[in-house]
Amino acid sequence: MFIGVSDIFKIGIGPSSSHTMGPMVAAHRFLANCFALADEKNTPLAHLTTRLHGSLAFTGKGHASDRAIFLGLQGFVPETLDLDQIPALEKALFDTKKITIAGRPAFNFDPENDLIFDYDEALPAHANGLQFFAYDGSGALMLHEIYYSIGGGFVRRDDEMNRPPDTAEPKHLYPFRNAAEMLEMGDAAGLSIAEMQMANETAYRSEDAVLNTIATIRATMEGCIARGLQEEGILPGGLNVKRRAKHIHAQLVNEWQNNDQQPHIANDWLSVYAMAVNEENAAGGRIVTSPTNGAAGIIPAVMRYYRDHCHGAHDEGTTILLLTAAAIGVIIKTNASISGAEVGCQGEVGSASAMAAAGLCAALGGSNAQIENAAEIALEHHLGMTCDPAGGLVQVPCIERNGLGAIKAVSAASLALRGDGSHFIPLDNCIETMRQTGLDMHERYKETSQGGLAVNLPEC
């Protein structure tokens, strides 16, 4: 199965790709299966219930998993949902306790009783599990399905989780499964990582279609930064976290205009771009998984830094950045995980920082070996990072953590560009270390809000 740039960079909504976007997609998919079965048996759907398990249960409220499921069962998907409609849709459901889809009989769904957070039973295949049950008018079970939201907005039904690898000959020209193969294929073909990724993409659709997708991704990222730098106030969820990006940005602009900048000012610009994105994410705004929502600020911040602060930046460079970042993201996802509920925040912020470092290194003219080195440096120095969101919200420490991830990405790219690409730990070994560390990590540190910073809050 080919995973491309539009899979790694999905356009959706906040606050979480695994806990918001994934459950919405799963609910939408289950609803379609219910309707197909109802048509086949000529038995209308009458009632539907849902159970959330594992990390989805423990932090589902903070991540708006319940709202996401409500919306998915009403026929909506993250990439096309009109965010302004959400309050009215949610109110109508709570008022009527019914869902009506155009051309279908209404069915019962009480959001207060038909969605259950099961804190006791964890499903076996992944920490983010959810079950759906559909019933006919007599109360008989029509359909039961289990889904897993495996990170980055990717969703699998239980019968898809352990499916054997596809052994068919891949359609794309450069089917690298790891970084070593990527470097070997690049050397043999005399192509950059971005060129190989583009060749793989165009095996499935036209180059214009790929470039249009990249342009949409880039515009969405830039729009998210712009909104985040304009908005102010308190983020939802009860922690009373204030938006800071607008205020910090105003300070930076003033210092720049007055030529009153400290040498480390680049770090502040990177941080404010990343924080702007993640404040928007925390508010449930339009976002791009990069590769997840919890780490969505790092790649946009580094891309904006390249565009506005790096000498010789050009539009093609941002395309190179995103294609290269996607290639690294696919390797990490294939060989470890990008899910905080599976391997901790090393799989989210660590992966995003590695992707951003590789992309920036490529945009600045780095060789394939230097790009691989940049990704390894960034990932290596996030190993062991736990996922411990306070209150189950993607706010503390997530927003600032994206700023630091962006800073590490730029530092990693810079260090790699000052070398020849040779280094001690290969990227593949670093990815495997992340996978093993994730397996060893206690569940309380994997997006359950039961350990770490989440339970060591200041007493009010």
Protein backbone atom coordinates (compact mmCIF):
# COMPACT_ATOMS: atom_id res chain seq x y z
CA MET A 1 0.00 0.00 0.00
CA PHE A 2 1.42 3.36 -1.06
CA ILE A 3 1.32 6.11 1.57
CA GLY A 4 1.81 9.51 -0.01
CA VAL A 5 1.94 13.18 0.79
CA SER A 6 -1.85 13.47 1.08
CA ASP A 7 -1.89 10.64 3.63
CA ILE A 8 0.84 12.05 5.86
CA PHE A 9 -0.53 15.60 5.53
CA LYS A 10 -4.30 15.33 5.99
CA ILE A 11 -6.47 18.44 6.17
CA GLY A 12 -8.87 18.22 9.09
CA ILE A 13 -9.78 19.76 12.42
CA GLY A 14 -8.35 19.96 15.93
CA PRO A 15 -7.57 19.08 18.56
CA SER A 16 -6.32 15.56 17.75
CA SER A 17 -5.74 13.48 14.64
CA SER A 18 -6.00 10.21 16.59
CA HIS A 19 -8.72 11.22 19.06
CA THR A 20 -10.80 13.63 16.96
CA MET A 21 -10.26 13.01 13.27
CA GLY A 22 -9.84 9.23 13.56
CA PRO A 23 -13.06 8.62 15.54
CA MET A 24 -15.00 10.88 13.16
CA VAL A 25 -13.74 8.90 10.17
CA ALA A 26 -14.52 5.60 11.93
CA ALA A 27 -18.06 6.74 12.79
CA HIS A 28 -18.66 7.90 9.23
CA ARG A 29 -17.39 4.60 7.86
CA PHE A 30 -19.52 2.54 10.24
CA LEU A 31 -22.59 4.58 9.31
CA ALA A 32 -22.00 3.84 5.62
CA ASN A 33 -21.70 0.13 6.41
CA CYS A 34 -24.95 0.26 8.40
CA PHE A 35 -26.82 1.84 5.53
CA ALA A 36 -25.41 -0.69 3.06
CA LEU A 37 -26.57 -3.53 5.32
CA ALA A 38 -29.96 -1.91 5.86
CA ASP A 39 -30.46 -1.71 2.10
CA GLU A 40 -29.36 -5.30 1.63
CA LYS A 41 -31.75 -6.64 4.29
CA ASN A 42 -34.45 -4.03 3.76
CA THR A 43 -34.31 -3.36 7.50
CA PRO A 44 -33.90 0.30 8.53
CA LEU A 45 -31.36 1.28 11.14
CA ALA A 46 -33.23 2.23 14.33
CA HIS A 47 -30.64 2.75 17.09
CA LEU A 48 -26.88 3.10 17.40
CA THR A 49 -24.43 3.01 20.34
CA THR A 50 -20.67 3.49 20.74
CA ARG A 51 -18.01 2.54 23.29
CA LEU A 52 -14.58 4.16 23.61
CA HIS A 53 -11.65 2.23 25.09
CA GLY A 54 -8.08 2.78 26.25
CA SER A 55 -6.60 6.21 25.57
CA LEU A 56 -9.78 7.23 23.75
CA ALA A 57 -11.72 6.67 26.96
CA PHE A 58 -9.21 8.34 29.30
CA THR A 59 -8.63 11.49 27.22
CA GLY A 60 -11.60 11.44 24.86
CA LYS A 61 -13.41 14.29 26.57
CA GLY A 62 -10.37 16.55 26.41
CA HIS A 63 -9.78 15.66 22.77
CA ALA A 64 -13.47 16.09 21.79
CA SER A 65 -13.73 12.44 20.73
CA ASP A 66 -17.40 12.45 21.68
CA ARG A 67 -18.16 15.46 19.49
CA ALA A 68 -16.17 13.91 16.65
CA ILE A 69 -18.26 10.73 16.80
CA PHE A 70 -21.48 12.74 16.89
CA LEU A 71 -20.40 14.52 13.72
CA GLY A 72 -19.24 11.36 11.98
CA LEU A 73 -22.57 9.69 12.68
CA GLN A 74 -24.29 12.72 11.17
CA GLY A 75 -22.43 12.10 7.93
CA PHE A 76 -19.49 14.51 8.22
CA VAL A 77 -15.76 13.98 7.63
CA PRO A 78 -12.90 16.18 8.92
CA GLU A 79 -11.60 17.61 5.65
CA THR A 80 -14.94 19.05 4.45
CA LEU A 81 -16.74 19.84 7.70
CA ASP A 82 -17.83 23.46 8.03
CA LEU A 83 -16.52 24.39 11.48
CA ASP A 84 -19.17 27.07 11.91
CA GLN A 85 -21.89 24.40 11.74
CA ILE A 86 -20.65 22.39 14.70
CA PRO A 87 -22.49 24.15 17.58
CA ALA A 88 -25.87 23.94 15.82
CA LEU A 89 -25.34 20.29 14.84
CA GLU A 90 -24.39 19.34 18.38
CA LYS A 91 -27.33 21.23 19.89
CA ALA A 92 -29.81 19.58 17.52
CA LEU A 93 -28.53 16.15 18.48
CA PHE A 94 -28.78 16.81 22.22
CA ASP A 95 -32.27 18.28 21.77
CA THR A 96 -33.77 15.54 19.59
CA LYS A 97 -31.61 12.52 20.49
CA LYS A 98 -32.05 11.47 16.88
CA ILE A 99 -29.94 11.58 13.74
CA THR A 100 -31.45 12.19 10.33
CA ILE A 101 -29.44 11.70 7.15
CA ALA A 102 -30.94 12.94 3.90
CA GLY A 103 -32.94 10.17 2.22
CA ARG A 104 -32.86 7.92 5.31
CA PRO A 105 -35.26 7.32 8.21
CA ALA A 106 -34.14 8.95 11.44
CA PHE A 107 -32.46 6.68 13.98
CA ASN A 108 -32.07 7.03 17.75
CA PHE A 109 -28.80 8.18 19.27
CA ASP A 110 -28.78 9.74 22.72
CA PRO A 111 -25.39 11.45 23.09
CA GLU A 112 -25.53 11.25 26.89
CA ASN A 113 -26.29 7.52 27.10
CA ASP A 114 -25.35 5.93 23.77
CA LEU A 115 -21.69 6.96 23.88
CA ILE A 116 -19.85 5.19 26.70
CA PHE A 117 -16.32 5.89 27.93
CA ASP A 118 -15.13 2.44 29.02
CA TYR A 119 -12.22 2.96 31.43
CA ASP A 120 -11.92 -0.73 32.32
CA GLU A 121 -11.53 -2.71 29.14
CA ALA A 122 -8.74 -1.94 26.67
CA LEU A 123 -9.10 -3.46 23.22
CA PRO A 124 -6.19 -5.68 22.18
CA ALA A 125 -4.82 -4.27 18.93
CA HIS A 126 -4.16 -0.59 19.83
CA ALA A 127 -4.61 1.89 22.66
CA ASN A 128 -7.15 3.89 20.63
CA GLY A 129 -10.06 1.45 20.23
CA LEU A 130 -13.77 2.05 19.74
CA GLN A 131 -16.79 -0.15 19.12
CA PHE A 132 -20.02 0.58 17.27
CA PHE A 133 -23.32 -1.30 17.63
CA ALA A 134 -26.31 -0.89 15.31
CA TYR A 135 -29.83 -2.21 16.06
CA ASP A 136 -33.02 -2.60 14.05
CA GLY A 137 -36.52 -1.62 15.11
CA SER A 138 -37.01 -4.81 17.15
CA GLY A 139 -33.83 -4.19 19.13
CA ALA A 140 -31.91 -6.95 17.36
CA LEU A 141 -28.22 -6.32 16.67
CA MET A 142 -27.70 -5.53 12.99
CA LEU A 143 -24.00 -4.78 12.92
CA HIS A 144 -21.08 -4.63 15.35
CA GLU A 145 -17.66 -3.35 14.29
CA ILE A 146 -14.43 -2.49 16.12
CA TYR A 147 -12.15 0.27 14.86
CA TYR A 148 -8.74 1.51 15.88
CA SER A 149 -7.49 5.07 15.39
CA ILE A 150 -3.80 4.38 14.92
CA GLY A 151 -2.44 7.93 14.72
CA GLY A 152 -2.28 10.72 12.17
CA GLY A 153 -5.95 10.29 11.26
CA PHE A 154 -5.36 6.74 9.99
CA VAL A 155 -8.17 4.30 10.89
CA ARG A 156 -8.27 0.51 10.69
CA ARG A 157 -11.11 -1.94 11.37
CA ASP A 158 -10.11 -4.84 13.60
CA ASP A 159 -9.92 -7.29 10.68
CA GLU A 160 -7.46 -4.92 8.94
CA MET A 161 -5.02 -4.58 11.84
CA ASN A 162 -3.10 -7.81 11.32
CA ARG A 163 -3.58 -8.13 7.60
CA PRO A 164 -0.42 -9.61 6.00
CA PRO A 165 1.72 -7.17 4.02
CA ASP A 166 0.82 -6.63 0.39
CA THR A 167 3.36 -8.64 -1.59
CA ALA A 168 2.17 -7.43 -4.99
CA GLU A 169 4.69 -5.56 -7.10
CA PRO A 170 4.39 -1.87 -6.17
CA LYS A 171 3.27 0.51 -8.86
CA HIS A 172 5.64 3.25 -7.75
CA LEU A 173 9.26 3.27 -8.86
CA TYR A 174 11.08 3.71 -5.54
CA PRO A 175 9.42 1.46 -2.92
CA PHE A 176 11.89 2.17 -0.13
CA ARG A 177 10.77 0.68 3.18
CA ASN A 178 13.48 2.28 5.30
CA ALA A 179 16.11 4.98 5.17
CA ALA A 180 18.89 2.65 4.05
CA GLU A 181 16.88 1.61 0.98
CA MET A 182 15.97 5.24 0.36
CA LEU A 183 19.65 6.26 0.27
CA GLU A 184 20.60 3.26 -1.86
CA MET A 185 17.85 3.94 -4.41
CA GLY A 186 18.70 7.64 -4.51
CA ASP A 187 22.38 6.89 -5.18
CA ALA A 188 21.53 4.36 -7.89
CA ALA A 189 19.09 6.67 -9.66
CA GLY A 190 20.99 9.91 -9.07
CA LEU A 191 17.85 11.46 -7.57
CA SER A 192 17.09 13.44 -4.44
CA ILE A 193 14.62 12.15 -1.86
CA ALA A 194 12.07 14.74 -3.01
CA GLU A 195 12.49 13.65 -6.63
CA MET A 196 11.95 10.00 -5.70
CA GLN A 197 8.89 10.88 -3.62
CA MET A 198 7.45 12.88 -6.53
CA ALA A 199 8.11 9.98 -8.91
CA ASN A 200 6.25 7.68 -6.52
CA GLU A 201 3.35 10.12 -6.24
CA THR A 202 3.02 10.49 -10.01
CA ALA A 203 2.77 6.74 -10.46
CA TYR A 204 -0.77 7.10 -9.08
CA ARG A 205 -1.86 10.54 -10.35
CA SER A 206 -0.66 13.39 -12.52
CA GLU A 207 2.11 15.74 -11.49
CA ASP A 208 -0.34 18.65 -11.65
CA ALA A 209 -2.63 16.84 -9.20
CA VAL A 210 0.28 16.24 -6.82
CA LEU A 211 1.42 19.86 -7.02
CA ASN A 212 -2.14 21.07 -6.46
CA THR A 213 -2.38 18.88 -3.37
CA ILE A 214 0.90 20.25 -2.05
CA ALA A 215 -0.26 23.81 -2.74
CA THR A 216 -3.46 23.17 -0.79
CA ILE A 217 -1.52 21.67 2.12
CA ARG A 218 0.87 24.62 2.14
CA ALA A 219 -1.95 27.17 1.96
CA THR A 220 -3.82 25.47 4.80
CA MET A 221 -0.69 25.46 6.97
CA GLU A 222 -0.04 29.13 6.22
CA GLY A 223 -3.67 30.01 6.88
CA CYS A 224 -3.52 28.24 10.22
CA ILE A 225 -0.45 30.26 11.24
CA ALA A 226 -2.15 33.47 10.14
CA ARG A 227 -5.29 32.76 12.18
CA GLY A 228 -3.23 31.74 15.19
CA LEU A 229 -1.30 35.01 15.08
CA GLN A 230 -4.55 37.00 15.05
CA GLU A 231 -6.66 35.23 17.66
CA GLU A 232 -6.53 35.83 21.41
CA GLY A 233 -8.44 34.78 24.51
CA ILE A 234 -8.77 31.58 26.54
CA LEU A 235 -8.54 28.14 24.96
CA PRO A 236 -11.50 25.79 25.61
CA GLY A 237 -11.34 22.83 27.97
CA GLY A 238 -11.16 24.24 31.49
CA LEU A 239 -7.42 24.75 32.01
CA ASN A 240 -7.81 28.47 31.27
CA VAL A 241 -4.74 28.47 29.04
CA LYS A 242 -4.31 31.84 27.35
CA ARG A 243 -3.43 32.19 23.70
CA ARG A 244 0.02 33.81 23.54
CA ALA A 245 1.05 33.72 19.89
CA LYS A 246 -0.53 37.07 18.93
CA HIS A 247 1.13 38.91 21.82
CA ILE A 248 4.55 37.32 21.24
CA HIS A 249 4.33 38.01 17.50
CA ALA A 250 3.57 41.69 18.15
CA GLN A 251 6.65 41.91 20.37
CA LEU A 252 8.84 40.29 17.70
CA VAL A 253 7.57 42.60 14.97
CA ASN A 254 8.24 45.64 17.19
CA GLU A 255 11.77 44.47 17.98
CA TRP A 256 12.48 43.83 14.31
CA GLN A 257 11.18 47.26 13.29
CA ASN A 258 13.33 48.91 15.96
CA ASN A 259 16.39 46.79 15.21
CA ASP A 260 16.32 45.64 18.84
CA GLN A 261 16.72 41.89 18.41
CA GLN A 262 18.74 39.43 20.46
CA PRO A 263 20.94 36.94 18.57
CA HIS A 264 18.64 34.07 19.54
CA ILE A 265 15.61 35.76 17.96
CA ALA A 266 15.27 33.00 15.34
CA ASN A 267 14.18 30.63 18.11
CA ASP A 268 11.39 33.01 19.09
CA TRP A 269 10.11 33.28 15.51
CA LEU A 270 10.08 29.49 15.18
CA SER A 271 8.28 29.12 18.49
CA VAL A 272 5.61 31.70 17.74
CA TYR A 273 4.78 30.15 14.36
CA ALA A 274 4.48 26.70 15.93
CA MET A 275 2.48 27.98 18.90
CA ALA A 276 0.07 29.81 16.58
CA VAL A 277 -0.74 26.52 14.85
CA ASN A 278 -1.15 24.53 18.03
CA GLU A 279 -3.30 27.17 19.68
CA GLU A 280 -5.58 26.91 16.64
CA ASN A 281 -5.49 23.13 16.96
CA ALA A 282 -6.40 23.30 20.65
CA ALA A 283 -9.36 25.52 19.74
CA GLY A 284 -10.65 22.93 17.24
CA GLY A 285 -9.63 24.92 14.16
CA ARG A 286 -8.69 23.86 10.64
CA ILE A 287 -5.39 22.00 10.78
CA VAL A 288 -3.04 19.78 8.77
CA THR A 289 -1.81 16.57 10.40
CA SER A 290 1.95 16.91 10.24
CA PRO A 291 2.06 13.97 10.82
CA THR A 292 -0.40 14.36 13.73
CA ASN A 293 -2.44 17.23 15.15
CA GLY A 294 -0.57 17.19 18.45
CA ALA A 295 2.64 17.90 16.49
CA ALA A 296 0.99 19.96 13.75
CA GLY A 297 2.92 23.17 14.41
CA ILE A 298 6.47 22.00 13.74
CA ILE A 299 6.56 21.53 9.97
CA PRO A 300 4.48 24.67 9.22
CA ALA A 301 6.76 26.68 11.54
CA VAL A 302 9.93 25.40 9.87
CA MET A 303 8.41 25.97 6.42
CA ARG A 304 7.49 29.56 7.37
CA TYR A 305 10.97 30.04 8.83
CA TYR A 306 12.49 28.85 5.56
CA ARG A 307 10.27 31.12 3.49
CA ASP A 308 10.66 34.32 5.54
CA HIS A 309 14.05 34.00 7.23
CA CYS A 310 16.38 31.85 5.10
CA HIS A 311 18.55 33.34 2.34
CA GLY A 312 17.69 32.09 -1.13
CA ALA A 313 14.30 30.65 -0.18
CA HIS A 314 11.93 30.01 -3.11
CA ASP A 315 8.54 28.41 -3.76
CA GLU A 316 10.06 25.22 -5.15
CA GLY A 317 11.96 24.89 -1.89
CA THR A 318 8.72 24.55 0.10
CA THR A 319 7.60 21.80 -2.29
CA ILE A 320 10.93 20.03 -1.78
CA LEU A 321 10.53 20.49 1.99
CA LEU A 322 7.07 18.89 2.09
CA LEU A 323 7.91 16.01 -0.27
CA THR A 324 11.05 15.18 1.71
CA ALA A 325 9.24 15.45 5.04
CA ALA A 326 6.53 13.11 3.75
CA ALA A 327 9.11 10.50 2.71
CA ILE A 328 10.66 10.53 6.19
CA GLY A 329 7.22 10.43 7.82
CA VAL A 330 6.25 7.33 5.85
CA ILE A 331 9.44 5.55 6.92
CA ILE A 332 8.81 6.35 10.59
CA LYS A 333 5.16 5.33 10.42
CA THR A 334 6.01 2.08 8.60
CA ASN A 335 8.76 1.00 10.98
CA ALA A 336 7.62 2.45 14.33
CA SER A 337 4.64 4.71 15.04
CA ILE A 338 3.41 8.30 14.90
CA SER A 339 0.83 7.66 17.63
CA GLY A 340 1.27 9.24 21.06
CA ALA A 341 -1.06 6.60 22.51
CA GLU A 342 1.24 3.89 21.20
CA VAL A 343 4.80 5.20 21.72
CA GLY A 344 4.43 8.51 23.56
CA CYS A 345 5.19 12.01 22.30
CA GLN A 346 8.47 10.85 20.76
CA GLY A 347 6.24 9.43 18.02
CA GLU A 348 4.46 12.74 17.48
CA VAL A 349 6.75 15.69 18.18
CA GLY A 350 9.86 13.56 17.62
CA SER A 351 8.62 12.35 14.24
CA ALA A 352 7.49 15.83 13.18
CA SER A 353 10.84 17.34 14.17
CA ALA A 354 12.69 14.68 12.18
CA MET A 355 10.46 15.30 9.16
CA ALA A 356 10.92 19.07 9.42
CA ALA A 357 14.70 18.76 9.82
CA ALA A 358 14.93 16.57 6.74
CA GLY A 359 12.68 18.90 4.75
CA LEU A 360 14.60 22.04 5.68
CA CYS A 361 17.93 20.36 4.97
CA ALA A 362 16.63 19.37 1.52
CA ALA A 363 15.24 22.84 0.79
CA LEU A 364 18.62 24.36 1.68
CA GLY A 365 20.39 22.08 -0.81
CA GLY A 366 21.46 19.21 1.42
CA SER A 367 22.47 15.86 -0.05
CA ASN A 368 20.44 12.73 0.63
CA ALA A 369 23.02 11.65 3.21
CA GLN A 370 22.82 15.02 4.96
CA ILE A 371 19.00 14.87 4.92
CA GLU A 372 19.01 11.43 6.54
CA ASN A 373 21.50 12.73 9.11
CA ALA A 374 19.29 15.74 9.89
CA ALA A 375 16.26 13.52 10.49
CA GLU A 376 18.28 11.24 12.75
CA ILE A 377 19.65 14.11 14.85
CA ALA A 378 16.19 15.55 15.42
CA LEU A 379 14.58 12.21 16.28
CA GLU A 380 17.44 11.04 18.48
CA HIS A 381 17.01 13.99 20.80
CA HIS A 382 13.31 13.35 21.32
CA LEU A 383 13.70 9.67 22.25
CA GLY A 384 11.83 8.75 25.42
CA MET A 385 9.53 11.78 25.36
CA THR A 386 6.26 10.86 27.05
CA CYS A 387 2.74 11.94 26.10
CA ASP A 388 1.26 13.40 29.29
CA PRO A 389 -1.29 16.10 28.37
CA ALA A 390 -2.78 17.93 31.33
CA GLY A 391 -6.52 17.36 31.50
CA GLY A 392 -6.39 15.25 28.36
CA LEU A 393 -6.13 18.49 26.37
CA VAL A 394 -3.65 19.20 23.58
CA GLN A 395 -2.44 22.34 25.37
CA VAL A 396 0.02 21.72 28.22
CA PRO A 397 2.79 20.84 27.42
CA CYS A 398 1.87 20.31 23.76
CA ILE A 399 1.77 23.91 22.50
CA GLU A 400 5.23 24.91 23.76
CA ARG A 401 6.58 21.46 22.91
CA ASN A 402 5.90 22.18 19.24
CA GLY A 403 7.96 25.35 19.48
CA LEU A 404 10.90 23.44 20.91
CA GLY A 405 10.46 20.71 18.30
CA ALA A 406 10.74 23.32 15.54
CA ILE A 407 13.89 24.76 17.10
CA LYS A 408 15.45 21.30 17.31
CA ALA A 409 14.53 20.64 13.68
CA VAL A 410 16.35 23.75 12.46
CA SER A 411 19.36 22.99 14.66
CA ALA A 412 19.47 19.42 13.35
CA ALA A 413 19.32 20.57 9.74
CA SER A 414 22.07 23.12 10.35
CA LEU A 415 24.35 20.57 12.01
CA ALA A 416 23.79 18.08 9.20
CA LEU A 417 24.56 20.69 6.52
CA ARG A 418 27.90 21.42 8.22
CA GLY A 419 28.92 17.78 7.79
CA ASP A 420 29.17 15.38 4.88
CA GLY A 421 26.27 13.15 5.93
CA SER A 422 28.38 10.53 7.71
CA HIS A 423 27.35 9.87 11.30
CA PHE A 424 27.35 7.19 13.97
CA ILE A 425 23.67 6.15 14.42
CA PRO A 426 21.70 5.54 11.20
CA LEU A 427 18.15 6.90 11.06
CA ASP A 428 16.76 3.36 10.81
CA ASN A 429 18.42 2.40 14.10
CA CYS A 430 17.05 5.51 15.74
CA ILE A 431 13.53 4.69 14.51
CA GLU A 432 13.85 1.15 15.86
CA THR A 433 15.02 2.56 19.18
CA MET A 434 11.90 4.72 19.29
CA ARG A 435 9.73 1.68 18.62
CA GLN A 436 11.39 -0.34 21.39
CA THR A 437 11.22 2.58 23.82
CA GLY A 438 7.52 2.93 23.08
CA LEU A 439 6.94 -0.74 23.86
CA ASP A 440 8.77 -0.34 27.18
CA MET A 441 6.97 2.88 28.12
CA HIS A 442 4.30 2.54 30.80
CA GLU A 443 0.73 3.13 29.66
CA ARG A 444 0.34 6.09 32.02
CA TYR A 445 2.78 8.01 29.81
CA LYS A 446 1.02 7.23 26.52
CA GLU A 447 -1.80 9.77 26.16
CA THR A 448 -3.87 8.60 29.10
CA SER A 449 -3.19 11.68 31.28
CA GLN A 450 -2.42 9.33 34.20
CA GLY A 451 1.25 10.20 34.68
CA GLY A 452 3.95 12.79 34.21
CA LEU A 453 2.99 16.44 33.92
CA ALA A 454 -0.69 15.52 33.71
CA VAL A 455 -0.74 14.54 37.40
CA ASN A 456 1.85 16.96 38.71
CA LEU A 457 -0.09 20.17 38.25
CA PRO A 458 0.10 23.25 40.49
CA GLU A 459 -2.49 23.18 43.24
CA CYS A 460 -4.95 26.05 42.94
